[in-house]
């Protein structure tokens, strides 16, 4: 049989039935045919599309971006520059996030250095720093 009910599709794809319904609502997978009983039946090729979606999500693409990629994939005669552009944009965003996380990490290290971990929380320099009204540089951070 070339069609899969939603439960079988979920098992074979490793996704939940709820995720499949959500992807259908978002237009990531085409609406399935329905049996007279009302059950959804998907062509087996839907597994390939779901694998594409899962791999794209693992690489950090949003569902809207994945929909765009699927649209590009549906037009094999189109120039691949649009695909490359989307991947490059994802790389740029990841680099920005890494920079932000490194700044946060450095700030947390500076905060950690303020406190010996001894004594009561009433005298904790970390809590005192966090309680300040005015933004202040964390000692040991790159920006101080």
N, C-alpha and C. Protein backbone atom coordinates (compact mmCIF):
# COMPACT_ATOMS: atom_id res chain seq x y z
N UNK A 1 0.85 -1.18 0.00
CA UNK A 1 0.00 0.00 0.00
C UNK A 1 0.89 1.24 0.00
N UNK A 2 0.57 2.23 -0.80
CA UNK A 2 1.42 3.41 -0.92
C UNK A 2 0.96 4.55 -0.03
N UNK A 3 -0.17 4.42 0.61
CA UNK A 3 -0.66 5.48 1.49
C UNK A 3 -0.50 5.05 2.95
N UNK A 4 -0.28 6.05 3.81
CA UNK A 4 -0.08 5.80 5.23
C UNK A 4 -1.11 6.59 6.03
N UNK A 5 -1.74 5.92 6.97
CA UNK A 5 -2.58 6.64 7.91
C UNK A 5 -1.68 7.47 8.81
N UNK A 6 -2.24 8.45 9.45
CA UNK A 6 -1.45 9.40 10.21
C UNK A 6 -0.63 8.73 11.32
N UNK A 7 -1.17 7.72 11.96
CA UNK A 7 -0.44 7.02 13.02
C UNK A 7 0.79 6.30 12.47
N UNK A 8 0.62 5.64 11.32
CA UNK A 8 1.75 4.96 10.69
C UNK A 8 2.80 5.97 10.22
N UNK A 9 2.34 7.07 9.67
CA UNK A 9 3.25 8.12 9.24
C UNK A 9 4.02 8.67 10.43
N UNK A 10 3.35 8.86 11.54
CA UNK A 10 4.01 9.36 12.75
C UNK A 10 5.08 8.37 13.21
N UNK A 11 4.74 7.10 13.28
CA UNK A 11 5.71 6.09 13.71
C UNK A 11 6.92 6.05 12.79
N UNK A 12 6.67 6.03 11.49
CA UNK A 12 7.77 5.90 10.52
C UNK A 12 8.63 7.16 10.44
N UNK A 13 8.04 8.30 10.71
CA UNK A 13 8.79 9.55 10.63
C UNK A 13 9.46 9.92 11.95
N UNK A 14 8.99 9.33 13.04
CA UNK A 14 9.51 9.68 14.35
C UNK A 14 8.91 10.96 14.91
N UNK A 15 7.83 11.42 14.30
CA UNK A 15 7.14 12.62 14.76
C UNK A 15 5.82 12.23 15.41
N UNK A 16 5.27 13.13 16.17
CA UNK A 16 3.98 12.85 16.79
C UNK A 16 2.85 13.15 15.81
N UNK A 17 1.71 12.58 16.08
CA UNK A 17 0.51 12.86 15.28
C UNK A 17 0.19 14.35 15.36
N UNK A 18 0.37 14.93 16.55
CA UNK A 18 0.09 16.36 16.72
C UNK A 18 1.02 17.20 15.84
N UNK A 19 2.29 16.82 15.76
CA UNK A 19 3.24 17.55 14.91
C UNK A 19 2.82 17.46 13.45
N UNK A 20 2.38 16.29 13.02
CA UNK A 20 1.94 16.12 11.64
C UNK A 20 0.73 17.01 11.34
N UNK A 21 -0.20 17.04 12.25
CA UNK A 21 -1.38 17.90 12.06
C UNK A 21 -0.97 19.37 12.02
N UNK A 22 -0.04 19.72 12.88
CA UNK A 22 0.45 21.10 12.89
C UNK A 22 1.15 21.44 11.58
N UNK A 23 2.01 20.57 11.09
CA UNK A 23 2.69 20.80 9.81
C UNK A 23 1.68 20.92 8.67
N UNK A 24 0.62 20.13 8.76
CA UNK A 24 -0.43 20.23 7.74
C UNK A 24 -1.10 21.61 7.81
N UNK A 25 -1.44 22.05 9.02
CA UNK A 25 -2.07 23.38 9.18
C UNK A 25 -1.16 24.50 8.71
N UNK A 26 0.14 24.35 8.92
CA UNK A 26 1.11 25.38 8.53
C UNK A 26 1.46 25.31 7.05
N UNK A 27 0.96 24.30 6.35
CA UNK A 27 1.22 24.18 4.92
C UNK A 27 2.57 23.56 4.59
N UNK A 28 3.19 22.89 5.54
CA UNK A 28 4.48 22.25 5.28
C UNK A 28 4.31 20.90 4.60
N UNK A 29 3.21 20.26 4.86
CA UNK A 29 2.87 19.03 4.14
C UNK A 29 1.51 19.23 3.52
N UNK A 30 1.32 18.67 2.34
CA UNK A 30 0.03 18.87 1.67
C UNK A 30 -1.12 18.22 2.44
N UNK A 31 -2.30 18.76 2.31
CA UNK A 31 -3.46 18.12 2.97
C UNK A 31 -3.62 16.70 2.44
N UNK A 32 -3.83 15.77 3.33
CA UNK A 32 -3.95 14.37 2.90
C UNK A 32 -5.34 14.08 2.35
N UNK A 33 -5.39 12.97 1.65
CA UNK A 33 -6.70 12.46 1.24
C UNK A 33 -7.39 11.92 2.49
N UNK A 34 -8.67 11.75 2.39
CA UNK A 34 -9.42 11.21 3.53
C UNK A 34 -10.16 9.96 3.07
N UNK A 35 -10.11 8.97 3.93
CA UNK A 35 -10.89 7.75 3.68
C UNK A 35 -12.35 8.05 4.02
N UNK A 36 -13.28 7.25 3.54
CA UNK A 36 -14.69 7.46 3.90
C UNK A 36 -14.91 7.52 5.41
N UNK A 37 -14.04 6.85 6.15
CA UNK A 37 -14.13 6.86 7.61
C UNK A 37 -13.64 8.17 8.22
N UNK A 38 -13.01 9.02 7.40
CA UNK A 38 -12.48 10.29 7.89
C UNK A 38 -11.00 10.25 8.20
N UNK A 39 -10.41 9.05 8.18
CA UNK A 39 -8.98 8.96 8.46
C UNK A 39 -8.16 9.67 7.39
N UNK A 40 -7.11 10.34 7.84
CA UNK A 40 -6.16 10.96 6.91
C UNK A 40 -5.27 9.87 6.34
N UNK A 41 -5.03 9.94 5.04
CA UNK A 41 -4.06 9.02 4.42
C UNK A 41 -3.08 9.85 3.58
N UNK A 42 -1.81 9.65 3.86
CA UNK A 42 -0.74 10.40 3.23
C UNK A 42 0.01 9.52 2.26
N UNK A 43 0.44 10.06 1.13
CA UNK A 43 1.29 9.29 0.24
C UNK A 43 2.63 9.01 0.94
N UNK A 44 3.23 7.90 0.64
CA UNK A 44 4.49 7.50 1.28
C UNK A 44 5.59 8.54 1.05
N UNK A 45 5.49 9.31 -0.03
CA UNK A 45 6.48 10.35 -0.32
C UNK A 45 6.51 11.44 0.76
N UNK A 46 5.47 11.50 1.56
CA UNK A 46 5.42 12.47 2.65
C UNK A 46 6.56 12.22 3.63
N UNK A 47 7.02 10.98 3.73
CA UNK A 47 8.15 10.67 4.61
C UNK A 47 9.40 11.45 4.20
N UNK A 48 9.64 11.57 2.89
CA UNK A 48 10.80 12.33 2.42
C UNK A 48 10.66 13.80 2.81
N UNK A 49 9.49 14.33 2.65
CA UNK A 49 9.25 15.73 3.00
C UNK A 49 9.44 15.95 4.49
N UNK A 50 8.97 15.01 5.31
CA UNK A 50 9.13 15.13 6.76
C UNK A 50 10.60 15.02 7.16
N UNK A 51 11.35 14.17 6.47
CA UNK A 51 12.80 14.08 6.74
C UNK A 51 13.47 15.41 6.41
N UNK A 52 13.07 16.05 5.32
CA UNK A 52 13.57 17.36 4.93
C UNK A 52 13.28 18.38 6.03
N UNK A 53 12.04 18.37 6.52
CA UNK A 53 11.63 19.30 7.57
C UNK A 53 12.45 19.07 8.84
N UNK A 54 12.59 17.81 9.24
CA UNK A 54 13.34 17.50 10.46
C UNK A 54 14.80 17.94 10.34
N UNK A 55 15.44 17.65 9.23
CA UNK A 55 16.84 18.05 9.04
C UNK A 55 16.97 19.57 9.05
N UNK A 56 16.03 20.24 8.42
CA UNK A 56 16.06 21.70 8.38
C UNK A 56 15.90 22.29 9.78
N UNK A 57 14.99 21.72 10.57
CA UNK A 57 14.81 22.19 11.94
C UNK A 57 16.07 21.97 12.76
N UNK A 58 16.72 20.82 12.57
CA UNK A 58 17.96 20.53 13.29
C UNK A 58 19.04 21.55 12.97
N UNK A 59 18.98 22.14 11.77
CA UNK A 59 19.95 23.15 11.36
C UNK A 59 19.51 24.56 11.77
N UNK A 60 18.40 24.65 12.48
CA UNK A 60 17.98 25.93 13.03
C UNK A 60 17.03 26.74 12.19
N UNK A 61 16.56 26.19 11.09
CA UNK A 61 15.61 26.94 10.26
C UNK A 61 14.26 26.99 10.95
N UNK A 62 13.58 28.12 10.83
CA UNK A 62 12.23 28.25 11.36
C UNK A 62 11.26 27.55 10.41
N UNK A 63 10.04 27.33 10.88
CA UNK A 63 9.06 26.69 10.01
C UNK A 63 8.75 27.55 8.79
N UNK A 64 8.73 28.87 8.94
CA UNK A 64 8.50 29.74 7.79
C UNK A 64 9.65 29.61 6.79
N UNK A 65 10.87 29.55 7.30
CA UNK A 65 12.02 29.38 6.41
C UNK A 65 11.99 28.02 5.72
N UNK A 66 11.57 27.01 6.45
CA UNK A 66 11.45 25.67 5.87
C UNK A 66 10.41 25.67 4.76
N UNK A 67 9.29 26.36 4.99
CA UNK A 67 8.26 26.45 3.95
C UNK A 67 8.85 27.10 2.70
N UNK A 68 9.66 28.16 2.88
CA UNK A 68 10.32 28.81 1.75
C UNK A 68 11.25 27.84 1.02
N UNK A 69 12.01 27.07 1.77
CA UNK A 69 12.93 26.10 1.17
C UNK A 69 12.16 25.03 0.40
N UNK A 70 11.05 24.59 0.97
CA UNK A 70 10.22 23.60 0.28
C UNK A 70 9.66 24.17 -1.02
N UNK A 71 9.30 25.44 -0.98
CA UNK A 71 8.79 26.10 -2.19
C UNK A 71 9.89 26.15 -3.25
N UNK A 72 11.10 26.47 -2.83
CA UNK A 72 12.22 26.48 -3.77
C UNK A 72 12.48 25.08 -4.33
N UNK A 73 12.38 24.09 -3.45
CA UNK A 73 12.60 22.71 -3.89
C UNK A 73 11.55 22.28 -4.91
N UNK A 74 10.36 22.83 -4.80
CA UNK A 74 9.27 22.47 -5.72
C UNK A 74 9.50 23.03 -7.12
N UNK A 75 10.49 23.89 -7.28
CA UNK A 75 10.80 24.49 -8.58
C UNK A 75 12.25 24.16 -8.94
N UNK A 76 12.51 22.94 -9.37
CA UNK A 76 13.89 22.51 -9.64
C UNK A 76 14.58 23.29 -10.75
N UNK A 77 13.82 23.99 -11.57
CA UNK A 77 14.42 24.77 -12.65
C UNK A 77 14.92 26.13 -12.15
N UNK A 78 14.53 26.52 -10.96
CA UNK A 78 14.91 27.83 -10.41
C UNK A 78 16.39 27.84 -10.04
N UNK A 79 16.94 29.04 -9.96
CA UNK A 79 18.33 29.25 -9.59
C UNK A 79 18.53 28.88 -8.12
N UNK A 80 19.61 28.22 -7.81
CA UNK A 80 19.86 27.79 -6.43
C UNK A 80 20.36 28.93 -5.55
N UNK A 81 20.53 30.11 -6.09
CA UNK A 81 21.01 31.25 -5.30
C UNK A 81 20.08 31.53 -4.12
N UNK A 82 18.79 31.34 -4.29
CA UNK A 82 17.84 31.57 -3.20
C UNK A 82 18.06 30.63 -2.04
N UNK A 83 18.43 29.39 -2.34
CA UNK A 83 18.72 28.41 -1.29
C UNK A 83 19.98 28.83 -0.55
N UNK A 84 21.02 29.14 -1.32
CA UNK A 84 22.29 29.55 -0.71
C UNK A 84 22.09 30.80 0.15
N UNK A 85 21.30 31.74 -0.32
CA UNK A 85 21.05 32.97 0.43
C UNK A 85 20.41 32.65 1.78
N UNK A 86 19.49 31.73 1.81
CA UNK A 86 18.83 31.38 3.07
C UNK A 86 19.81 30.70 4.04
N UNK A 87 20.68 29.86 3.49
CA UNK A 87 21.68 29.20 4.34
C UNK A 87 22.66 30.24 4.88
N UNK A 88 23.09 31.16 4.04
CA UNK A 88 24.01 32.22 4.48
C UNK A 88 23.36 33.09 5.56
N UNK A 89 22.09 33.38 5.41
CA UNK A 89 21.37 34.17 6.43
C UNK A 89 21.32 33.41 7.75
N UNK A 90 21.11 32.11 7.67
CA UNK A 90 21.08 31.27 8.89
C UNK A 90 22.46 31.29 9.55
N UNK A 91 23.53 31.21 8.76
CA UNK A 91 24.90 31.26 9.30
C UNK A 91 25.12 32.59 10.02
N UNK A 92 24.72 33.69 9.39
CA UNK A 92 24.89 35.01 10.01
C UNK A 92 24.16 35.09 11.34
N UNK A 93 22.94 34.58 11.38
CA UNK A 93 22.17 34.61 12.62
C UNK A 93 22.83 33.77 13.71
N UNK A 94 23.34 32.61 13.34
CA UNK A 94 24.01 31.75 14.31
C UNK A 94 25.26 32.44 14.85
N UNK A 95 26.01 33.10 13.98
CA UNK A 95 27.21 33.82 14.43
C UNK A 95 26.84 34.93 15.41
N UNK A 96 25.74 35.64 15.15
CA UNK A 96 25.29 36.67 16.09
C UNK A 96 24.90 36.04 17.44
N UNK A 97 24.21 34.92 17.39
CA UNK A 97 23.81 34.25 18.63
C UNK A 97 25.03 33.77 19.41
N UNK A 98 26.03 33.24 18.71
CA UNK A 98 27.25 32.79 19.38
C UNK A 98 27.93 33.96 20.06
N UNK A 99 28.03 35.09 19.38
CA UNK A 99 28.63 36.29 19.98
C UNK A 99 27.85 36.72 21.22
N UNK A 100 26.53 36.71 21.13
CA UNK A 100 25.70 37.08 22.29
C UNK A 100 25.93 36.11 23.45
N UNK A 101 25.97 34.83 23.15
CA UNK A 101 26.19 33.83 24.20
C UNK A 101 27.58 33.96 24.82
N UNK A 102 28.57 34.29 24.01
CA UNK A 102 29.92 34.49 24.56
C UNK A 102 29.96 35.70 25.49
N UNK A 103 29.24 36.77 25.13
CA UNK A 103 29.16 37.95 26.00
C UNK A 103 28.48 37.59 27.32
N UNK A 104 27.40 36.83 27.23
CA UNK A 104 26.69 36.40 28.44
C UNK A 104 27.58 35.52 29.29
N UNK A 105 28.29 34.60 28.66
CA UNK A 105 29.18 33.70 29.38
C UNK A 105 30.26 34.50 30.13
N UNK A 106 30.85 35.46 29.45
CA UNK A 106 31.88 36.29 30.07
C UNK A 106 31.31 37.08 31.24
N UNK A 107 30.12 37.63 31.07
CA UNK A 107 29.48 38.38 32.15
C UNK A 107 29.19 37.47 33.34
N UNK A 108 28.72 36.26 33.08
CA UNK A 108 28.45 35.32 34.17
C UNK A 108 29.72 34.91 34.89
N UNK A 109 30.80 34.75 34.15
CA UNK A 109 32.08 34.43 34.78
C UNK A 109 32.51 35.58 35.70
N UNK A 110 32.31 36.82 35.21
CA UNK A 110 32.63 37.97 36.04
C UNK A 110 31.78 38.00 37.30
N UNK A 111 30.49 37.71 37.16
CA UNK A 111 29.61 37.65 38.33
C UNK A 111 30.06 36.57 39.29
N UNK A 112 30.38 35.43 38.76
CA UNK A 112 30.81 34.31 39.60
C UNK A 112 32.06 34.67 40.40
N UNK A 113 32.95 35.44 39.78
CA UNK A 113 34.20 35.81 40.47
C UNK A 113 33.94 36.77 41.64
N UNK A 114 32.79 37.40 41.68
CA UNK A 114 32.46 38.32 42.77
C UNK A 114 32.20 37.59 44.08
N UNK A 115 31.83 36.34 43.98
CA UNK A 115 31.33 35.62 45.16
C UNK A 115 32.21 34.41 45.47
N UNK A 116 32.55 34.28 46.74
CA UNK A 116 33.35 33.12 47.16
C UNK A 116 32.48 31.90 47.40
N UNK A 117 31.17 32.12 47.50
CA UNK A 117 30.27 31.01 47.80
C UNK A 117 30.19 30.73 49.29
N UNK A 118 30.80 31.58 50.07
CA UNK A 118 30.79 31.45 51.54
C UNK A 118 29.85 32.51 52.12
N UNK A 119 29.26 32.22 53.21
CA UNK A 119 28.43 33.21 53.91
C UNK A 119 26.97 33.13 53.48
N UNK A 120 26.22 34.08 53.98
CA UNK A 120 24.77 34.08 53.75
C UNK A 120 24.42 34.81 52.46
N UNK A 121 23.23 34.55 51.97
CA UNK A 121 22.77 35.24 50.77
C UNK A 121 22.54 36.72 51.04
N UNK A 122 22.38 37.10 52.32
CA UNK A 122 22.19 38.52 52.65
C UNK A 122 23.41 39.34 52.25
N UNK A 123 24.57 38.72 52.19
CA UNK A 123 25.81 39.41 51.85
C UNK A 123 26.37 38.95 50.51
N UNK A 124 25.54 38.34 49.70
CA UNK A 124 26.01 37.80 48.41
C UNK A 124 26.22 38.93 47.40
N UNK A 125 27.44 39.10 46.92
CA UNK A 125 27.69 40.18 45.95
C UNK A 125 26.99 39.96 44.61
N UNK A 126 26.71 38.73 44.26
CA UNK A 126 26.00 38.47 43.00
C UNK A 126 24.57 38.99 43.11
N UNK A 127 23.92 38.65 44.21
CA UNK A 127 22.54 39.13 44.40
C UNK A 127 22.50 40.64 44.51
N UNK A 128 23.51 41.24 45.17
CA UNK A 128 23.56 42.70 45.28
C UNK A 128 23.74 43.33 43.91
N UNK A 129 24.57 42.74 43.09
CA UNK A 129 24.78 43.26 41.74
C UNK A 129 23.49 43.18 40.93
N UNK A 130 22.80 42.06 41.01
CA UNK A 130 21.57 41.87 40.23
C UNK A 130 20.46 42.80 40.70
N UNK A 131 20.52 43.23 41.94
CA UNK A 131 19.49 44.09 42.50
C UNK A 131 19.65 45.55 42.11
N UNK A 132 20.80 45.93 41.57
CA UNK A 132 21.06 47.33 41.24
C UNK A 132 20.04 47.86 40.24
N UNK A 133 19.63 49.09 40.47
CA UNK A 133 18.71 49.77 39.56
C UNK A 133 19.36 50.15 38.25
N UNK A 134 20.55 50.70 38.33
CA UNK A 134 21.26 51.18 37.15
C UNK A 134 22.07 50.05 36.54
N UNK A 135 22.08 49.95 35.21
CA UNK A 135 22.92 48.93 34.59
C UNK A 135 24.38 49.22 34.88
N UNK A 136 25.10 48.22 35.23
CA UNK A 136 26.52 48.37 35.51
C UNK A 136 27.27 47.24 34.83
N UNK A 137 28.51 47.53 34.49
CA UNK A 137 29.34 46.49 33.89
C UNK A 137 29.70 45.45 34.95
N UNK A 138 29.70 44.21 34.53
CA UNK A 138 30.11 43.13 35.40
C UNK A 138 31.62 43.12 35.44
N UNK A 139 32.21 43.07 36.64
CA UNK A 139 33.66 42.99 36.70
C UNK A 139 34.17 41.77 35.93
N UNK A 140 35.20 41.98 35.16
CA UNK A 140 35.77 40.87 34.38
C UNK A 140 35.12 40.68 33.04
N UNK A 141 34.04 41.43 32.72
CA UNK A 141 33.43 41.29 31.39
C UNK A 141 34.24 42.11 30.40
N UNK A 142 34.15 41.78 29.14
CA UNK A 142 34.89 42.46 28.08
C UNK A 142 34.51 43.93 27.97
N UNK A 143 33.28 44.26 28.36
CA UNK A 143 32.79 45.62 28.17
C UNK A 143 33.16 46.54 29.31
N UNK A 144 33.78 46.02 30.38
CA UNK A 144 34.13 46.89 31.50
C UNK A 144 35.54 47.39 31.36
